[in-house]
């Protein structure tokens, strides 16, 4: 963790030295919906219709972050937010460092890979706290909107499990 702090501080100084007249900071806002498999798929409901949904929504995630970037290609930021999981009856507040790599795949489209590492705290569950990890992959438009899929892992012991996680689909807006 100490190495991560040293890396973040050195990158802030490096980015500020490279850009004398350019804005090198960004703000990122994410909204995502965790999904889960439908256990009642192909079962007949009361009105006679078959339930054919493969996936069901399982909560709501929202995050905000601030950081530095270099030509929109590489970015490092500090993020926080709220992840709400309906099935687990769990509200989690992650605080994490976020590394984003977004090389161009066409003239105006980028692929965005984001890696996050930090701590997560469960609200309303006493002092439950643990590690937080995330990885997301998405497509970034010329308007800096990212459509992504994200895997999150919370090392928080809850409901007789040592950890929990989620798969989410979402949108991210970045302001450079």
Protein backbone atom coordinates (compact mmCIF):
# COMPACT_ATOMS: atom_id res chain seq x y z
CA UNK A 1 0.00 0.00 0.00
CA UNK A 2 2.93 2.32 0.72
CA UNK A 3 4.27 1.68 -2.79
CA UNK A 4 0.88 2.65 -4.24
CA UNK A 5 0.93 5.98 -2.37
CA UNK A 6 4.46 6.74 -3.59
CA UNK A 7 3.42 5.91 -7.16
CA UNK A 8 0.36 8.18 -6.99
CA UNK A 9 2.33 11.14 -5.61
CA UNK A 10 5.11 10.73 -8.19
CA UNK A 11 2.62 10.52 -11.05
CA UNK A 12 0.88 13.73 -9.92
CA UNK A 13 4.25 15.54 -10.01
CA UNK A 14 5.20 13.97 -13.35
CA UNK A 15 1.96 14.98 -15.05
CA UNK A 16 2.16 18.52 -13.70
CA UNK A 17 5.72 18.89 -15.03
CA UNK A 18 4.73 17.73 -18.55
CA UNK A 19 1.81 20.09 -19.00
CA UNK A 20 2.62 23.72 -18.47
CA UNK A 21 -0.35 25.20 -20.38
CA UNK A 22 -2.68 22.22 -20.85
CA UNK A 23 -5.35 20.97 -18.49
CA UNK A 24 -4.20 17.58 -17.24
CA UNK A 25 -6.92 16.74 -14.71
CA UNK A 26 -10.20 14.92 -15.22
CA UNK A 27 -13.42 14.13 -13.39
CA UNK A 28 -15.17 10.81 -13.96
CA UNK A 29 -18.75 9.86 -13.05
CA UNK A 30 -20.01 6.24 -13.36
CA UNK A 31 -23.46 4.73 -13.08
CA UNK A 32 -23.84 0.94 -13.35
CA UNK A 33 -26.40 -1.78 -12.75
CA UNK A 34 -25.16 -5.06 -11.24
CA UNK A 35 -26.71 -8.09 -12.92
CA UNK A 36 -27.30 -11.67 -11.80
CA UNK A 37 -28.53 -14.82 -13.48
CA UNK A 38 -32.30 -15.40 -13.45
CA UNK A 39 -33.00 -18.51 -11.31
CA UNK A 40 -36.61 -18.64 -12.59
CA UNK A 41 -35.76 -18.65 -16.31
CA UNK A 42 -38.09 -20.80 -18.44
CA UNK A 43 -40.62 -21.16 -15.62
CA UNK A 44 -44.26 -20.33 -16.29
CA UNK A 45 -45.66 -17.40 -14.32
CA UNK A 46 -49.26 -16.98 -13.04
CA UNK A 47 -50.62 -15.45 -16.27
CA UNK A 48 -49.32 -18.36 -18.40
CA UNK A 49 -46.30 -16.57 -19.92
CA UNK A 50 -42.81 -18.01 -19.73
CA UNK A 51 -40.08 -16.10 -17.93
CA UNK A 52 -37.36 -15.84 -20.60
CA UNK A 53 -34.99 -13.26 -19.11
CA UNK A 54 -31.41 -14.50 -18.80
CA UNK A 55 -30.33 -11.76 -16.40
CA UNK A 56 -31.96 -9.57 -13.76
CA UNK A 57 -30.84 -6.23 -12.27
CA UNK A 58 -29.42 -6.63 -8.77
CA UNK A 59 -28.73 -3.13 -7.47
CA UNK A 60 -27.25 0.20 -8.42
CA UNK A 61 -23.66 1.48 -8.38
CA UNK A 62 -22.50 5.06 -8.66
CA UNK A 63 -18.94 6.36 -8.43
CA UNK A 64 -17.08 9.63 -8.86
CA UNK A 65 -13.37 10.18 -9.33
CA UNK A 66 -10.75 12.86 -9.83
CA UNK A 67 -7.27 12.46 -11.24
CA UNK A 68 -4.63 13.29 -13.78
CA UNK A 69 -4.20 12.11 -17.36
CA UNK A 70 -1.75 12.25 -20.24
CA UNK A 71 -3.37 12.83 -23.67
CA UNK A 72 -6.47 10.88 -22.57
CA UNK A 73 -4.37 7.73 -23.08
CA UNK A 74 -3.34 6.98 -19.50
CA UNK A 75 -4.96 8.27 -16.33
CA UNK A 76 -4.58 7.81 -12.60
CA UNK A 77 -7.25 8.90 -10.16
CA UNK A 78 -8.85 8.57 -6.75
CA UNK A 79 -12.45 7.33 -6.78
CA UNK A 80 -15.26 6.68 -4.33
CA UNK A 81 -18.95 5.92 -4.51
CA UNK A 82 -21.77 3.67 -3.36
CA UNK A 83 -22.45 0.11 -4.51
CA UNK A 84 -25.88 -1.20 -3.56
CA UNK A 85 -26.56 -4.95 -3.94
CA UNK A 86 -30.22 -5.95 -3.53
CA UNK A 87 -29.78 -9.74 -3.17
CA UNK A 88 -27.08 -9.45 -0.51
CA UNK A 89 -28.89 -6.52 1.18
CA UNK A 90 -25.57 -4.75 1.18
CA UNK A 91 -24.47 -1.13 0.73
CA UNK A 92 -20.73 -0.71 0.19
CA UNK A 93 -18.59 2.43 -0.02
CA UNK A 94 -15.37 1.76 -1.96
CA UNK A 95 -12.43 4.19 -1.89
CA UNK A 96 -9.80 3.24 -4.44
CA UNK A 97 -7.03 4.25 -6.82
CA UNK A 98 -8.05 3.87 -10.45
CA UNK A 99 -5.65 3.30 -13.36
CA UNK A 100 -7.18 3.82 -16.82
CA UNK A 101 -5.58 2.89 -20.12
CA UNK A 102 -7.46 3.98 -23.24
CA UNK A 103 -5.61 3.56 -26.55
CA UNK A 104 -7.31 4.55 -29.80
CA UNK A 105 -8.81 1.74 -31.87
CA UNK A 106 -10.07 4.07 -34.61
CA UNK A 107 -9.90 7.77 -35.44
CA UNK A 108 -12.36 8.79 -32.72
CA UNK A 109 -13.01 5.65 -30.64
CA UNK A 110 -10.97 4.26 -27.77
CA UNK A 111 -11.02 1.04 -25.81
CA UNK A 112 -10.95 1.73 -22.06
CA UNK A 113 -9.45 -0.65 -19.53
CA UNK A 114 -9.71 0.40 -15.89
CA UNK A 115 -8.15 -1.27 -12.87
CA UNK A 116 -9.08 -0.26 -9.32
CA UNK A 117 -7.56 -1.21 -5.97
CA UNK A 118 -8.47 0.09 -2.53
CA UNK A 119 -10.67 -0.40 0.53
CA UNK A 120 -14.41 -1.01 0.90
CA UNK A 121 -16.63 -0.37 3.91
CA UNK A 122 -20.08 -1.92 4.41
CA UNK A 123 -22.63 0.58 5.71
CA UNK A 124 -24.94 -0.45 8.53
CA UNK A 125 -23.03 -3.65 9.28
CA UNK A 126 -20.78 -2.59 12.12
CA UNK A 127 -17.11 -2.24 11.29
CA UNK A 128 -17.03 -4.50 8.21
CA UNK A 129 -14.14 -3.40 6.03
CA UNK A 130 -11.97 -5.13 3.47
CA UNK A 131 -10.12 -4.88 0.18
CA UNK A 132 -11.79 -3.71 -3.00
CA UNK A 133 -10.71 -4.67 -6.51
CA UNK A 134 -12.31 -3.90 -9.84
CA UNK A 135 -11.63 -4.28 -13.52
CA UNK A 136 -13.72 -2.81 -16.28
CA UNK A 137 -13.57 -2.90 -20.06
CA UNK A 138 -15.46 -0.52 -22.31
CA UNK A 139 -15.70 1.55 -25.45
CA UNK A 140 -15.05 5.31 -25.20
CA UNK A 141 -16.81 7.61 -27.68
CA UNK A 142 -15.48 10.95 -29.00
CA UNK A 143 -17.73 12.67 -26.41
CA UNK A 144 -15.81 10.83 -23.63
CA UNK A 145 -18.75 8.59 -22.76
CA UNK A 146 -17.75 5.01 -21.88
CA UNK A 147 -20.08 2.03 -22.11
CA UNK A 148 -18.53 -0.70 -19.96
CA UNK A 149 -18.78 -4.05 -18.22
CA UNK A 150 -17.21 -4.25 -14.76
CA UNK A 151 -16.22 -7.00 -12.35
CA UNK A 152 -15.98 -5.94 -8.69
CA UNK A 153 -14.65 -7.94 -5.75
CA UNK A 154 -15.20 -7.05 -2.09
CA UNK A 155 -13.15 -8.92 0.52
CA UNK A 156 -15.80 -8.33 3.18
CA UNK A 157 -17.08 -11.32 5.20
CA UNK A 158 -20.87 -11.24 4.81
CA UNK A 159 -23.70 -13.82 4.97
CA UNK A 160 -21.39 -16.75 5.88
CA UNK A 161 -19.10 -15.97 2.94
CA UNK A 162 -15.56 -14.63 3.15
CA UNK A 163 -16.11 -12.25 0.21
CA UNK A 164 -18.61 -11.11 -2.41
CA UNK A 165 -18.59 -9.56 -5.85
CA UNK A 166 -20.67 -8.37 -8.76
CA UNK A 167 -20.78 -8.02 -12.53
CA UNK A 168 -22.17 -4.69 -13.73
CA UNK A 169 -23.10 -2.94 -16.95
CA UNK A 170 -22.76 0.81 -16.97
CA UNK A 171 -22.03 4.24 -18.40
CA UNK A 172 -19.19 6.55 -17.49
CA UNK A 173 -18.82 10.23 -18.34
CA UNK A 174 -15.36 11.78 -18.24
CA UNK A 175 -14.70 15.51 -18.29
CA UNK A 176 -11.16 16.44 -19.31
